């Protein structure tokens, strides 16, 4: 497993999709933060919520070319021919996607802080207060986005096709956001169902425009962590099971 993960990490700088995604995230973050309402830099990590849909699109593109394309190029088959177990291969790919998710999310958060500070000032928060708030929001949002990473990795192993993986990823993001909006209008049952979606927690963790401070609600944070961890575990188990029983051509 360690050897496989090390090999995956070595592929990051050599894969053509990596600089494309990083460049896209930089441009998107600068444009989006500049166009959003005023928010001082010490709170700007909260911008991850509005960046999330585009961040997920970049992540879906990354998974498409970094994972799914290897089925088309025969790289997965070559790895299996070396005697690596399928569960190990699946989890190493997922771990590499988690690393990319960390990099993309952290880059977005840092850019949000820098751009907001340049435009609206940093604010009067102490370094300790800033780091505590930044770490809390970032880590919770990162865990929420790991659900997307696991899901897109599952799409890649099911479709074994880069274009199909990208379409499934973007399609899920659109369907999820529309579903959350519709479910919110259906009363108690709808409100309960939408709590199974990761974007529910992404969007409500901290929303300065609407005075939503989910991070201060212990029950909300606990539910967010439980839903994310359970979702990741279930998606990973399903993906590994499917891959163990699929044919690799």
C-alpha atoms as a PDB file:
ATOM      1  CA  UNK A   1       0.000   0.000   0.000  1.00  0.00           C
ATOM      2  CA  UNK A   2       2.800   2.430   0.924  1.00  0.00           C
ATOM      3  CA  UNK A   3       4.668   1.628  -2.288  1.00  0.00           C
ATOM      4  CA  UNK A   4       1.540   2.144  -4.370  1.00  0.00           C
ATOM      5  CA  UNK A   5       0.769   5.464  -2.697  1.00  0.00           C
ATOM      6  CA  UNK A   6       4.361   6.661  -3.178  1.00  0.00           C
ATOM      7  CA  UNK A   7       4.090   5.798  -6.860  1.00  0.00           C
ATOM      8  CA  UNK A   8       0.806   7.703  -7.108  1.00  0.00           C
ATOM      9  CA  UNK A   9       2.348  10.790  -5.481  1.00  0.00           C
ATOM     10  CA  UNK A  10       5.217  10.706  -7.981  1.00  0.00           C
ATOM     11  CA  UNK A  11       2.683  10.941 -10.787  1.00  0.00           C
ATOM     12  CA  UNK A  12       1.238  14.254  -9.576  1.00  0.00           C
ATOM     13  CA  UNK A  13       3.793  16.635 -11.127  1.00  0.00           C
ATOM     14  CA  UNK A  14       4.078  14.564 -14.315  1.00  0.00           C
ATOM     15  CA  UNK A  15       0.362  14.312 -15.044  1.00  0.00           C
ATOM     16  CA  UNK A  16      -0.786  17.045 -17.444  1.00  0.00           C
ATOM     17  CA  UNK A  17      -4.079  17.552 -15.613  1.00  0.00           C
ATOM     18  CA  UNK A  18      -2.369  18.694 -12.382  1.00  0.00           C
ATOM     19  CA  UNK A  19      -1.089  22.110 -13.591  1.00  0.00           C
ATOM     20  CA  UNK A  20      -4.337  22.644 -15.512  1.00  0.00           C
ATOM     21  CA  UNK A  21      -6.430  22.136 -12.357  1.00  0.00           C
ATOM     22  CA  UNK A  22      -4.123  24.235 -10.191  1.00  0.00           C
ATOM     23  CA  UNK A  23      -4.148  27.093 -12.697  1.00  0.00           C
ATOM     24  CA  UNK A  24      -7.906  26.888 -13.016  1.00  0.00           C
ATOM     25  CA  UNK A  25      -8.362  26.955  -9.240  1.00  0.00           C
ATOM     26  CA  UNK A  26      -6.103  30.004  -8.904  1.00  0.00           C
ATOM     27  CA  UNK A  27      -7.970  31.956 -11.593  1.00  0.00           C
ATOM     28  CA  UNK A  28     -11.373  30.875 -10.344  1.00  0.00           C
ATOM     29  CA  UNK A  29     -10.569  31.798  -6.732  1.00  0.00           C
ATOM     30  CA  UNK A  30      -9.246  35.240  -7.645  1.00  0.00           C
ATOM     31  CA  UNK A  31     -12.224  36.043  -9.891  1.00  0.00           C
ATOM     32  CA  UNK A  32     -14.821  34.654  -7.498  1.00  0.00           C
ATOM     33  CA  UNK A  33     -13.474  36.230  -4.311  1.00  0.00           C
ATOM     34  CA  UNK A  34     -13.007  39.569  -6.074  1.00  0.00           C
ATOM     35  CA  UNK A  35     -16.596  39.474  -7.305  1.00  0.00           C
ATOM     36  CA  UNK A  36     -18.150  38.363  -4.001  1.00  0.00           C
ATOM     37  CA  UNK A  37     -19.301  40.669  -1.231  1.00  0.00           C
ATOM     38  CA  UNK A  38     -16.853  42.199   1.215  1.00  0.00           C
ATOM     39  CA  UNK A  39     -15.324  39.873   3.797  1.00  0.00           C
ATOM     40  CA  UNK A  40     -12.198  40.583   5.802  1.00  0.00           C
ATOM     41  CA  UNK A  41      -9.252  38.266   5.359  1.00  0.00           C
ATOM     42  CA  UNK A  42      -9.365  36.635   8.779  1.00  0.00           C
ATOM     43  CA  UNK A  43     -12.811  35.216   7.915  1.00  0.00           C
ATOM     44  CA  UNK A  44     -12.168  34.486   4.227  1.00  0.00           C
ATOM     45  CA  UNK A  45     -11.555  30.752   4.643  1.00  0.00           C
ATOM     46  CA  UNK A  46     -15.376  30.681   4.786  1.00  0.00           C
ATOM     47  CA  UNK A  47     -15.350  31.426   1.039  1.00  0.00           C
ATOM     48  CA  UNK A  48     -14.805  27.700   0.503  1.00  0.00           C
ATOM     49  CA  UNK A  49     -18.585  27.289   0.669  1.00  0.00           C
ATOM     50  CA  UNK A  50     -19.230  29.442  -2.421  1.00  0.00           C
ATOM     51  CA  UNK A  51     -16.142  28.050  -4.169  1.00  0.00           C
ATOM     52  CA  UNK A  52     -17.182  24.450  -3.534  1.00  0.00           C
ATOM     53  CA  UNK A  53     -19.166  23.703  -6.734  1.00  0.00           C
ATOM     54  CA  UNK A  54     -16.325  24.855  -8.988  1.00  0.00           C
ATOM     55  CA  UNK A  55     -13.762  23.229  -6.703  1.00  0.00           C
ATOM     56  CA  UNK A  56     -15.629  19.943  -7.125  1.00  0.00           C
ATOM     57  CA  UNK A  57     -15.676  20.375 -10.898  1.00  0.00           C
ATOM     58  CA  UNK A  58     -11.890  20.745 -10.914  1.00  0.00           C
ATOM     59  CA  UNK A  59     -11.616  17.710  -8.659  1.00  0.00           C
ATOM     60  CA  UNK A  60     -13.849  15.719 -10.991  1.00  0.00           C
ATOM     61  CA  UNK A  61     -11.631  16.692 -13.924  1.00  0.00           C
ATOM     62  CA  UNK A  62      -8.544  15.634 -11.980  1.00  0.00           C
ATOM     63  CA  UNK A  63     -10.007  12.226 -11.105  1.00  0.00           C
ATOM     64  CA  UNK A  64     -11.083  11.726 -14.711  1.00  0.00           C
ATOM     65  CA  UNK A  65      -7.561  12.071 -16.072  1.00  0.00           C
ATOM     66  CA  UNK A  66      -5.588  10.851 -13.074  1.00  0.00           C
ATOM     67  CA  UNK A  67      -7.656   7.739 -12.303  1.00  0.00           C
ATOM     68  CA  UNK A  68     -10.180   6.876 -15.007  1.00  0.00           C
ATOM     69  CA  UNK A  69      -7.785   7.485 -17.913  1.00  0.00           C
ATOM     70  CA  UNK A  70      -5.462   4.784 -16.540  1.00  0.00           C
ATOM     71  CA  UNK A  71      -8.060   2.168 -17.450  1.00  0.00           C
ATOM     72  CA  UNK A  72      -8.019   3.404 -21.028  1.00  0.00           C
ATOM     73  CA  UNK A  73      -4.200   3.473 -21.140  1.00  0.00           C
ATOM     74  CA  UNK A  74      -3.805   0.042 -19.542  1.00  0.00           C
ATOM     75  CA  UNK A  75      -1.895   1.358 -16.509  1.00  0.00           C
ATOM     76  CA  UNK A  76      -4.292  -0.256 -14.032  1.00  0.00           C
ATOM     77  CA  UNK A  77      -3.877  -3.628 -15.715  1.00  0.00           C
ATOM     78  CA  UNK A  78      -0.100  -3.273 -15.550  1.00  0.00           C
ATOM     79  CA  UNK A  79      -0.268  -2.504 -11.828  1.00  0.00           C
ATOM     80  CA  UNK A  80      -2.406  -5.573 -11.185  1.00  0.00           C
ATOM     81  CA  UNK A  81       0.005  -7.721 -13.201  1.00  0.00           C
ATOM     82  CA  UNK A  82       2.701  -6.902 -10.641  1.00  0.00           C
ATOM     83  CA  UNK A  83       0.705  -8.803  -8.030  1.00  0.00           C
ATOM     84  CA  UNK A  84      -0.887  -5.832  -6.276  1.00  0.00           C
ATOM     85  CA  UNK A  85      -4.226  -6.600  -4.650  1.00  0.00           C
ATOM     86  CA  UNK A  86      -7.286  -4.887  -6.047  1.00  0.00           C
ATOM     87  CA  UNK A  87      -8.335  -3.438  -2.706  1.00  0.00           C
ATOM     88  CA  UNK A  88      -4.851  -1.974  -2.278  1.00  0.00           C
ATOM     89  CA  UNK A  89      -4.954  -0.479  -5.766  1.00  0.00           C
ATOM     90  CA  UNK A  90      -8.390   1.015  -5.172  1.00  0.00           C
ATOM     91  CA  UNK A  91      -7.501   2.527  -1.797  1.00  0.00           C
ATOM     92  CA  UNK A  92      -4.158   3.875  -3.050  1.00  0.00           C
ATOM     93  CA  UNK A  93      -5.972   5.676  -5.859  1.00  0.00           C
ATOM     94  CA  UNK A  94      -8.504   7.039  -3.415  1.00  0.00           C
ATOM     95  CA  UNK A  95      -5.738   8.191  -1.071  1.00  0.00           C
ATOM     96  CA  UNK A  96      -4.054  10.004  -3.961  1.00  0.00           C
ATOM     97  CA  UNK A  97      -7.361  11.731  -4.756  1.00  0.00           C
ATOM     98  CA  UNK A  98      -7.638  12.721  -1.079  1.00  0.00           C
ATOM     99  CA  UNK A  99      -4.175  14.308  -1.306  1.00  0.00           C
ATOM    100  CA  UNK A 100      -5.266  16.254  -4.385  1.00  0.00           C
ATOM    101  CA  UNK A 101      -8.436  17.315  -2.550  1.00  0.00           C
ATOM    102  CA  UNK A 102      -6.321  18.633   0.314  1.00  0.00           C
ATOM    103  CA  UNK A 103      -4.095  20.573  -2.095  1.00  0.00           C
ATOM    104  CA  UNK A 104      -7.008  22.051  -4.045  1.00  0.00           C
ATOM    105  CA  UNK A 105      -8.985  23.002  -0.936  1.00  0.00           C
ATOM    106  CA  UNK A 106      -5.970  24.474   0.871  1.00  0.00           C
ATOM    107  CA  UNK A 107      -4.991  26.492  -2.195  1.00  0.00           C
ATOM    108  CA  UNK A 108      -8.535  27.863  -2.448  1.00  0.00           C
ATOM    109  CA  UNK A 109      -8.564  28.792   1.244  1.00  0.00           C
ATOM    110  CA  UNK A 110      -5.187  30.553   1.131  1.00  0.00           C
ATOM    111  CA  UNK A 111      -6.106  32.487  -2.007  1.00  0.00           C
ATOM    112  CA  UNK A 112      -9.390  33.544  -0.423  1.00  0.00           C
ATOM    113  CA  UNK A 113      -7.540  34.916   2.610  1.00  0.00           C
ATOM    114  CA  UNK A 114      -4.929  36.718   0.499  1.00  0.00           C
ATOM    115  CA  UNK A 115      -7.370  38.238  -1.999  1.00  0.00           C
ATOM    116  CA  UNK A 116      -9.885  39.260   0.680  1.00  0.00           C
ATOM    117  CA  UNK A 117      -7.137  40.795   2.806  1.00  0.00           C
ATOM    118  CA  UNK A 118      -5.838  42.784  -0.175  1.00  0.00           C
ATOM    119  CA  UNK A 119      -9.324  44.063  -1.003  1.00  0.00           C
ATOM    120  CA  UNK A 120     -11.050  44.458   2.376  1.00  0.00           C
ATOM    121  CA  UNK A 121      -8.221  44.294   4.898  1.00  0.00           C
ATOM    122  CA  UNK A 122      -7.275  41.432   7.166  1.00  0.00           C
ATOM    123  CA  UNK A 123      -9.248  42.570  10.209  1.00  0.00           C
ATOM    124  CA  UNK A 124      -8.201  42.892  13.819  1.00  0.00           C
ATOM    125  CA  UNK A 125      -8.203  39.193  14.778  1.00  0.00           C
ATOM    126  CA  UNK A 126      -5.104  38.000  16.615  1.00  0.00           C
ATOM    127  CA  UNK A 127      -2.900  35.359  14.957  1.00  0.00           C
ATOM    128  CA  UNK A 128      -4.200  32.777  17.432  1.00  0.00           C
ATOM    129  CA  UNK A 129      -7.848  33.613  16.723  1.00  0.00           C
ATOM    130  CA  UNK A 130      -7.228  33.561  12.984  1.00  0.00           C
ATOM    131  CA  UNK A 131      -5.424  30.205  13.024  1.00  0.00           C
ATOM    132  CA  UNK A 132      -8.087  28.634  15.246  1.00  0.00           C
ATOM    133  CA  UNK A 133     -10.931  29.769  12.982  1.00  0.00           C
ATOM    134  CA  UNK A 134      -9.010  28.898   9.801  1.00  0.00           C
ATOM    135  CA  UNK A 135      -8.151  25.400  11.048  1.00  0.00           C
ATOM    136  CA  UNK A 136     -11.687  24.680  12.231  1.00  0.00           C
ATOM    137  CA  UNK A 137     -13.413  25.756   9.012  1.00  0.00           C
ATOM    138  CA  UNK A 138     -10.750  24.286   6.732  1.00  0.00           C
ATOM    139  CA  UNK A 139     -10.649  20.851   8.382  1.00  0.00           C
ATOM    140  CA  UNK A 140     -14.426  20.504   8.470  1.00  0.00           C
ATOM    141  CA  UNK A 141     -14.737  21.604   4.838  1.00  0.00           C
ATOM    142  CA  UNK A 142     -11.891  19.279   3.856  1.00  0.00           C
ATOM    143  CA  UNK A 143     -13.677  16.316   5.438  1.00  0.00           C
ATOM    144  CA  UNK A 144     -16.877  17.260   3.604  1.00  0.00           C
ATOM    145  CA  UNK A 145     -14.994  17.424   0.300  1.00  0.00           C
ATOM    146  CA  UNK A 146     -13.376  14.036   0.931  1.00  0.00           C
ATOM    147  CA  UNK A 147     -16.886  12.646   0.348  1.00  0.00           C
ATOM    148  CA  UNK A 148     -16.811  14.085  -3.181  1.00  0.00           C
ATOM    149  CA  UNK A 149     -13.303  12.708  -3.692  1.00  0.00           C
ATOM    150  CA  UNK A 150     -14.410   9.209  -2.701  1.00  0.00           C
ATOM    151  CA  UNK A 151     -17.513   9.475  -4.882  1.00  0.00           C
ATOM    152  CA  UNK A 152     -15.611  10.663  -7.977  1.00  0.00           C
ATOM    153  CA  UNK A 153     -13.068   7.886  -7.468  1.00  0.00           C
ATOM    154  CA  UNK A 154     -15.975   5.409  -7.402  1.00  0.00           C
ATOM    155  CA  UNK A 155     -17.292   6.877 -10.678  1.00  0.00           C
ATOM    156  CA  UNK A 156     -13.851   6.407 -12.233  1.00  0.00           C
ATOM    157  CA  UNK A 157     -13.632   2.740 -11.261  1.00  0.00           C
ATOM    158  CA  UNK A 158     -17.177   2.028 -12.427  1.00  0.00           C
ATOM    159  CA  UNK A 159     -17.024   3.845 -15.775  1.00  0.00           C
ATOM    160  CA  UNK A 160     -13.324   3.209 -16.530  1.00  0.00           C
ATOM    161  CA  UNK A 161     -13.593   6.198 -18.845  1.00  0.00           C
ATOM    162  CA  UNK A 162     -12.329   9.763 -18.353  1.00  0.00           C
ATOM    163  CA  UNK A 163     -15.182  11.538 -20.141  1.00  0.00           C
ATOM    164  CA  UNK A 164     -17.860   9.488 -18.391  1.00  0.00           C
ATOM    165  CA  UNK A 165     -16.271  10.148 -14.992  1.00  0.00           C
ATOM    166  CA  UNK A 166     -16.222  13.898 -15.614  1.00  0.00           C
ATOM    167  CA  UNK A 167     -19.843  13.896 -16.760  1.00  0.00           C
ATOM    168  CA  UNK A 168     -20.942  11.844 -13.740  1.00  0.00           C
ATOM    169  CA  UNK A 169     -19.066  14.180 -11.400  1.00  0.00           C
ATOM    170  CA  UNK A 170     -20.531  17.377 -12.840  1.00  0.00           C
ATOM    171  CA  UNK A 171     -23.953  15.741 -13.092  1.00  0.00           C
ATOM    172  CA  UNK A 172     -23.886  14.759  -9.431  1.00  0.00           C
ATOM    173  CA  UNK A 173     -22.965  18.300  -8.364  1.00  0.00           C
ATOM    174  CA  UNK A 174     -25.870  19.776 -10.338  1.00  0.00           C
ATOM    175  CA  UNK A 175     -28.384  17.169  -9.159  1.00  0.00           C
ATOM    176  CA  UNK A 176     -27.218  17.540  -5.555  1.00  0.00           C
ATOM    177  CA  UNK A 177     -27.638  21.314  -5.487  1.00  0.00           C
ATOM    178  CA  UNK A 178     -31.055  21.168  -7.172  1.00  0.00           C
ATOM    179  CA  UNK A 179     -32.187  18.369  -4.841  1.00  0.00           C
ATOM    180  CA  UNK A 180     -31.134  20.261  -1.719  1.00  0.00           C
ATOM    181  CA  UNK A 181     -33.089  23.294  -2.908  1.00  0.00           C
ATOM    182  CA  UNK A 182     -36.217  21.257  -3.648  1.00  0.00           C
ATOM    183  CA  UNK A 183     -36.022  19.176  -0.473  1.00  0.00           C
ATOM    184  CA  UNK A 184     -35.773  22.360   1.583  1.00  0.00           C
ATOM    185  CA  UNK A 185     -39.310  23.235   0.464  1.00  0.00           C
ATOM    186  CA  UNK A 186     -40.883  19.872   1.361  1.00  0.00           C
ATOM    187  CA  UNK A 187     -41.097  20.275   5.104  1.00  0.00           C
ATOM    188  CA  UNK A 188     -39.697  18.008   7.805  1.00  0.00           C
ATOM    189  CA  UNK A 189     -39.018  14.912   5.695  1.00  0.00           C
ATOM    190  CA  UNK A 190     -37.295  16.915   2.954  1.00  0.00           C
ATOM    191  CA  UNK A 191     -35.183  18.788   5.487  1.00  0.00           C
ATOM    192  CA  UNK A 192     -34.106  15.486   7.026  1.00  0.00           C
ATOM    193  CA  UNK A 193     -33.230  13.845   3.694  1.00  0.00           C
ATOM    194  CA  UNK A 194     -31.058  16.718   2.482  1.00  0.00           C
ATOM    195  CA  UNK A 195     -28.823  16.286   5.522  1.00  0.00           C
ATOM    196  CA  UNK A 196     -27.373  13.219   3.784  1.00  0.00           C
ATOM    197  CA  UNK A 197     -25.794  15.430   1.095  1.00  0.00           C
ATOM    198  CA  UNK A 198     -22.281  16.829   1.657  1.00  0.00           C
ATOM    199  CA  UNK A 199     -23.142  20.238   0.185  1.00  0.00           C
ATOM    200  CA  UNK A 200     -25.720  20.754   2.927  1.00  0.00           C
ATOM    201  CA  UNK A 201     -22.848  20.940   5.425  1.00  0.00           C
ATOM    202  CA  UNK A 202     -20.495  22.774   3.065  1.00  0.00           C
ATOM    203  CA  UNK A 203     -22.978  25.606   2.523  1.00  0.00           C
ATOM    204  CA  UNK A 204     -24.180  25.965   6.115  1.00  0.00           C
ATOM    205  CA  UNK A 205     -20.861  25.756   7.960  1.00  0.00           C
ATOM    206  CA  UNK A 206     -20.246  29.494   7.821  1.00  0.00           C
ATOM    207  CA  UNK A 207     -22.253  31.938   5.717  1.00  0.00           C
ATOM    208  CA  UNK A 208     -21.467  35.552   6.546  1.00  0.00           C
ATOM    209  CA  UNK A 209     -24.069  36.873   4.088  1.00  0.00           C
ATOM    210  CA  UNK A 210     -26.901  35.015   5.804  1.00  0.00           C
ATOM    211  CA  UNK A 211     -25.559  34.966   9.360  1.00  0.00           C
ATOM    212  CA  UNK A 212     -25.209  31.160   9.348  1.00  0.00           C
ATOM    213  CA  UNK A 213     -22.630  29.914  11.808  1.00  0.00           C
ATOM    214  CA  UNK A 214     -22.921  26.146  11.802  1.00  0.00           C
ATOM    215  CA  UNK A 215     -19.405  25.747  13.188  1.00  0.00           C
ATOM    216  CA  UNK A 216     -20.662  27.160  16.497  1.00  0.00           C
ATOM    217  CA  UNK A 217     -23.412  24.525  16.707  1.00  0.00           C
ATOM    218  CA  UNK A 218     -21.914  21.397  18.274  1.00  0.00           C
ATOM    219  CA  UNK A 219     -24.796  19.220  17.044  1.00  0.00           C
ATOM    220  CA  UNK A 220     -24.370  20.459  13.462  1.00  0.00           C
ATOM    221  CA  UNK A 221     -20.604  19.878  13.518  1.00  0.00           C
ATOM    222  CA  UNK A 222     -21.009  16.413  15.035  1.00  0.00           C
ATOM    223  CA  UNK A 223     -23.626  15.454  12.455  1.00  0.00           C
ATOM    224  CA  UNK A 224     -21.410  16.815   9.673  1.00  0.00           C
ATOM    225  CA  UNK A 225     -18.459  14.678  10.804  1.00  0.00           C
ATOM    226  CA  UNK A 226     -20.564  11.532  11.247  1.00  0.00           C
ATOM    227  CA  UNK A 227     -22.260  11.873   7.851  1.00  0.00           C
ATOM    228  CA  UNK A 228     -18.927  12.520   6.109  1.00  0.00           C
ATOM    229  CA  UNK A 229     -17.070   9.633   7.762  1.00  0.00           C
ATOM    230  CA  UNK A 230     -19.912   7.155   7.213  1.00  0.00           C
ATOM    231  CA  UNK A 231     -20.328   8.282   3.590  1.00  0.00           C
ATOM    232  CA  UNK A 232     -16.615   7.893   2.859  1.00  0.00           C
ATOM    233  CA  UNK A 233     -16.539   4.431   4.457  1.00  0.00           C
ATOM    234  CA  UNK A 234     -19.597   3.220   2.549  1.00  0.00           C
ATOM    235  CA  UNK A 235     -18.470   4.631  -0.799  1.00  0.00           C
ATOM    236  CA  UNK A 236     -14.992   3.140  -0.320  1.00  0.00           C
ATOM    237  CA  UNK A 237     -16.394  -0.277   0.577  1.00  0.00           C
ATOM    238  CA  UNK A 238     -18.737  -0.287  -2.414  1.00  0.00           C
ATOM    239  CA  UNK A 239     -15.989   0.843  -4.763  1.00  0.00           C
ATOM    240  CA  UNK A 240     -13.488  -1.758  -3.565  1.00  0.00           C
ATOM    241  CA  UNK A 241     -16.144  -4.486  -3.801  1.00  0.00           C
ATOM    242  CA  UNK A 242     -17.097  -3.535  -7.363  1.00  0.00           C
ATOM    243  CA  UNK A 243     -13.473  -3.325  -8.481  1.00  0.00           C
ATOM    244  CA  UNK A 244     -12.650  -6.770  -7.036  1.00  0.00           C
ATOM    245  CA  UNK A 245     -15.381  -8.277  -9.215  1.00  0.00           C
ATOM    246  CA  UNK A 246     -14.955  -6.283 -12.401  1.00  0.00           C
ATOM    247  CA  UNK A 247     -13.179  -7.328 -15.577  1.00  0.00           C
ATOM    248  CA  UNK A 248     -10.115  -5.332 -16.589  1.00  0.00           C
ATOM    249  CA  UNK A 249      -9.459  -5.317 -20.313  1.00  0.00           C
END
